[in-house]
């Protein structure tokens, strides 16, 4: 009889699980620190406000999109879901946060207590769990944007400078012909 009770207890304990998995966002040289947020339809405002605040603390510039928007609408996007249920108390039973770069998924954080059964640790503080997931998803905060280096054409700038100097020289009526030619040759030789 004890063996049967032990086996049933073990089966119940292993069947009641809470799962969490995080693949940190692998963002490659974004053009800016802007991230577009796509909440799930009907998401609780507290989840959205908490997650938005965390992204801003991590250095992101946040732009909010409507639920159902496509992740490819922005270079960097996050789409997220949070579900609550009732079991003696209201608690967050599921959260899924995905990060996309140019429409391709580059990171994900999931918390799933749907099979938590009688476990008392399923009654978590949702704000703390969202914070934990965001910290694991973006461990280094917003990545540095790719530096925009404007190509400087020294030959173009030099040519423009020479043209400007030659124009000034031609407008200088105080010079004799020989002095004018000497200065012109010096400018052209540079």
Protein backbone atom coordinates (compact mmCIF):
# COMPACT_ATOMS: atom_id res chain seq x y z
CA UNK A 1 0.00 0.00 0.00
CA UNK A 2 2.84 2.42 0.86
CA UNK A 3 4.43 1.69 -2.49
CA UNK A 4 1.21 2.59 -4.32
CA UNK A 5 0.88 5.88 -2.38
CA UNK A 6 4.53 6.73 -3.07
CA UNK A 7 4.11 6.01 -6.79
CA UNK A 8 0.93 8.11 -7.01
CA UNK A 9 2.58 10.97 -5.11
CA UNK A 10 5.59 10.89 -7.42
CA UNK A 11 3.33 10.86 -10.49
CA UNK A 12 1.35 13.83 -9.20
CA UNK A 13 4.45 15.83 -8.32
CA UNK A 14 6.14 15.25 -11.67
CA UNK A 15 2.90 16.00 -13.55
CA UNK A 16 2.56 19.36 -11.80
CA UNK A 17 5.21 21.55 -13.29
CA UNK A 18 5.97 25.17 -13.93
CA UNK A 19 8.21 25.81 -16.91
CA UNK A 20 10.29 28.80 -17.85
CA UNK A 21 12.65 29.16 -20.77
CA UNK A 22 14.52 32.16 -22.11
CA UNK A 23 16.57 32.58 -25.25
CA UNK A 24 18.23 36.02 -24.91
CA UNK A 25 17.58 38.36 -27.83
CA UNK A 26 20.40 38.25 -30.35
CA UNK A 27 20.09 41.69 -31.95
CA UNK A 28 22.59 42.54 -34.67
CA UNK A 29 23.63 46.20 -35.10
CA UNK A 30 20.23 47.92 -35.08
CA UNK A 31 19.80 51.18 -36.94
CA UNK A 32 18.40 52.81 -33.79
CA UNK A 33 17.32 52.00 -30.23
CA UNK A 34 13.64 52.06 -31.19
CA UNK A 35 11.61 48.96 -30.43
CA UNK A 36 7.98 48.58 -31.45
CA UNK A 37 5.65 46.93 -28.93
CA UNK A 38 2.79 44.68 -30.08
CA UNK A 39 0.62 43.61 -27.13
CA UNK A 40 -1.79 40.69 -27.39
CA UNK A 41 -5.43 41.60 -27.78
CA UNK A 42 -7.00 41.97 -24.33
CA UNK A 43 -3.67 42.08 -22.49
CA UNK A 44 -3.89 43.44 -18.94
CA UNK A 45 -2.69 47.05 -18.76
CA UNK A 46 -0.39 46.22 -15.83
CA UNK A 47 1.61 43.75 -17.94
CA UNK A 48 1.95 46.28 -20.75
CA UNK A 49 2.94 49.17 -18.45
CA UNK A 50 5.50 47.05 -16.58
CA UNK A 51 7.11 45.71 -19.76
CA UNK A 52 7.16 49.15 -21.43
CA UNK A 53 8.83 50.69 -18.36
CA UNK A 54 11.45 47.94 -18.31
CA UNK A 55 12.30 48.46 -21.98
CA UNK A 56 12.70 52.19 -21.42
CA UNK A 57 14.93 51.54 -18.38
CA UNK A 58 17.08 49.30 -20.58
CA UNK A 59 17.64 52.19 -23.02
CA UNK A 60 15.06 51.43 -25.70
CA UNK A 61 12.94 54.09 -27.34
CA UNK A 62 9.45 52.57 -27.37
CA UNK A 63 6.82 52.89 -30.08
CA UNK A 64 3.47 51.22 -29.45
CA UNK A 65 1.61 49.41 -32.23
CA UNK A 66 -1.92 48.03 -32.20
CA UNK A 67 -2.59 44.41 -31.19
CA UNK A 68 -2.35 42.15 -34.23
CA UNK A 69 0.27 44.31 -36.00
CA UNK A 70 2.94 42.44 -37.93
CA UNK A 71 6.43 42.20 -36.38
CA UNK A 72 7.94 43.19 -39.74
CA UNK A 73 6.42 46.72 -39.46
CA UNK A 74 9.51 47.92 -37.57
CA UNK A 75 13.19 46.93 -37.71
CA UNK A 76 13.02 45.81 -34.05
CA UNK A 77 9.77 44.54 -32.54
CA UNK A 78 8.52 42.74 -29.46
CA UNK A 79 5.19 40.89 -29.31
CA UNK A 80 3.89 39.65 -25.98
CA UNK A 81 1.08 37.69 -24.35
CA UNK A 82 0.07 37.36 -20.72
CA UNK A 83 -2.74 35.19 -19.39
CA UNK A 84 -4.28 35.17 -15.92
CA UNK A 85 -6.47 32.52 -14.35
CA UNK A 86 -8.35 31.94 -11.14
CA UNK A 87 -7.52 29.21 -8.57
CA UNK A 88 -8.34 30.49 -5.08
CA UNK A 89 -6.79 33.75 -6.31
CA UNK A 90 -6.12 35.48 -9.61
CA UNK A 91 -2.57 34.84 -10.88
CA UNK A 92 -0.51 35.05 -14.06
CA UNK A 93 -0.46 31.57 -15.48
CA UNK A 94 1.32 32.24 -18.77
CA UNK A 95 3.58 34.84 -20.36
CA UNK A 96 5.32 34.75 -23.72
CA UNK A 97 7.54 37.57 -25.00
CA UNK A 98 9.10 37.36 -28.45
CA UNK A 99 11.64 39.70 -30.05
CA UNK A 100 11.93 40.17 -33.80
CA UNK A 101 14.51 41.91 -35.94
CA UNK A 102 13.41 42.66 -39.50
CA UNK A 103 10.52 40.22 -39.02
CA UNK A 104 12.70 37.29 -37.91
CA UNK A 105 12.48 36.01 -34.35
CA UNK A 106 15.74 36.65 -32.47
CA UNK A 107 14.72 35.95 -28.86
CA UNK A 108 11.96 34.57 -26.64
CA UNK A 109 11.04 34.34 -22.97
CA UNK A 110 8.24 32.03 -21.81
CA UNK A 111 6.75 31.38 -18.38
CA UNK A 112 4.15 28.59 -18.21
CA UNK A 113 2.36 27.56 -15.02
CA UNK A 114 -0.64 25.98 -16.78
CA UNK A 115 0.38 22.59 -15.38
CA UNK A 116 1.17 24.00 -11.94
CA UNK A 117 -1.75 22.14 -10.41
CA UNK A 118 -1.65 22.28 -6.63
CA UNK A 119 1.75 23.94 -6.41
CA UNK A 120 1.60 27.04 -4.22
CA UNK A 121 4.55 28.66 -6.04
CA UNK A 122 2.32 29.26 -9.05
CA UNK A 123 0.93 32.30 -7.21
CA UNK A 124 3.70 34.65 -8.31
CA UNK A 125 3.97 38.42 -8.35
CA UNK A 126 3.41 39.11 -12.08
CA UNK A 127 5.46 42.33 -12.09
CA UNK A 128 8.48 40.50 -10.63
CA UNK A 129 8.14 37.68 -13.17
CA UNK A 130 7.88 40.11 -16.11
CA UNK A 131 10.97 41.92 -14.79
CA UNK A 132 12.87 38.62 -14.50
CA UNK A 133 11.91 37.61 -18.05
CA UNK A 134 12.84 41.01 -19.53
CA UNK A 135 16.19 41.02 -17.69
CA UNK A 136 17.01 37.58 -19.07
CA UNK A 137 15.76 38.48 -22.55
CA UNK A 138 17.82 41.71 -22.71
CA UNK A 139 20.73 41.06 -20.30
CA UNK A 140 22.79 43.95 -21.70
CA UNK A 141 19.97 46.39 -22.33
CA UNK A 142 19.41 48.09 -25.67
CA UNK A 143 22.27 47.41 -28.07
CA UNK A 144 24.29 50.28 -29.46
CA UNK A 145 22.95 51.33 -32.86
CA UNK A 146 25.17 50.90 -35.84
CA UNK A 147 27.28 54.02 -36.25
CA UNK A 148 26.35 55.93 -39.36
CA UNK A 149 29.58 56.99 -40.95
CA UNK A 150 29.13 59.50 -43.69
CA UNK A 151 31.75 58.97 -46.35
CA UNK A 152 33.88 62.05 -46.66
CA UNK A 153 35.25 62.57 -50.09
CA UNK A 154 38.45 64.49 -49.55
CA UNK A 155 38.98 64.89 -53.29
CA UNK A 156 35.49 66.41 -53.64
CA UNK A 157 36.06 68.77 -50.69
CA UNK A 158 39.51 69.67 -51.95
CA UNK A 159 38.18 70.43 -55.44
CA UNK A 160 35.44 72.66 -54.01
CA UNK A 161 37.96 74.48 -51.83
CA UNK A 162 40.24 75.04 -54.85
CA UNK A 163 37.34 76.41 -56.89
CA UNK A 164 36.45 78.78 -54.05
CA UNK A 165 40.06 80.00 -53.78
CA UNK A 166 40.34 80.47 -57.56
CA UNK A 167 37.09 82.46 -57.59
CA UNK A 168 38.41 84.73 -54.81
CA UNK A 169 41.66 85.14 -56.73
CA UNK A 170 39.83 86.16 -59.91
CA UNK A 171 37.81 88.73 -57.94
CA UNK A 172 40.95 90.32 -56.48
CA UNK A 173 41.62 93.26 -58.85
CA UNK A 174 44.59 94.51 -56.85
CA UNK A 175 46.97 91.83 -58.24
CA UNK A 176 49.16 92.21 -61.26
CA UNK A 177 49.23 89.56 -63.94
CA UNK A 178 52.42 87.84 -62.71
CA UNK A 179 51.25 87.72 -59.06
CA UNK A 180 47.86 86.41 -60.20
CA UNK A 181 49.48 83.61 -62.24
CA UNK A 182 51.89 82.68 -59.41
CA UNK A 183 49.02 82.36 -56.89
CA UNK A 184 46.82 80.49 -59.38
CA UNK A 185 49.56 77.92 -60.02
CA UNK A 186 50.09 77.50 -56.27
CA UNK A 187 46.37 76.83 -55.73
CA UNK A 188 46.18 74.36 -58.62
CA UNK A 189 49.30 72.54 -57.39
CA UNK A 190 47.78 71.80 -53.97
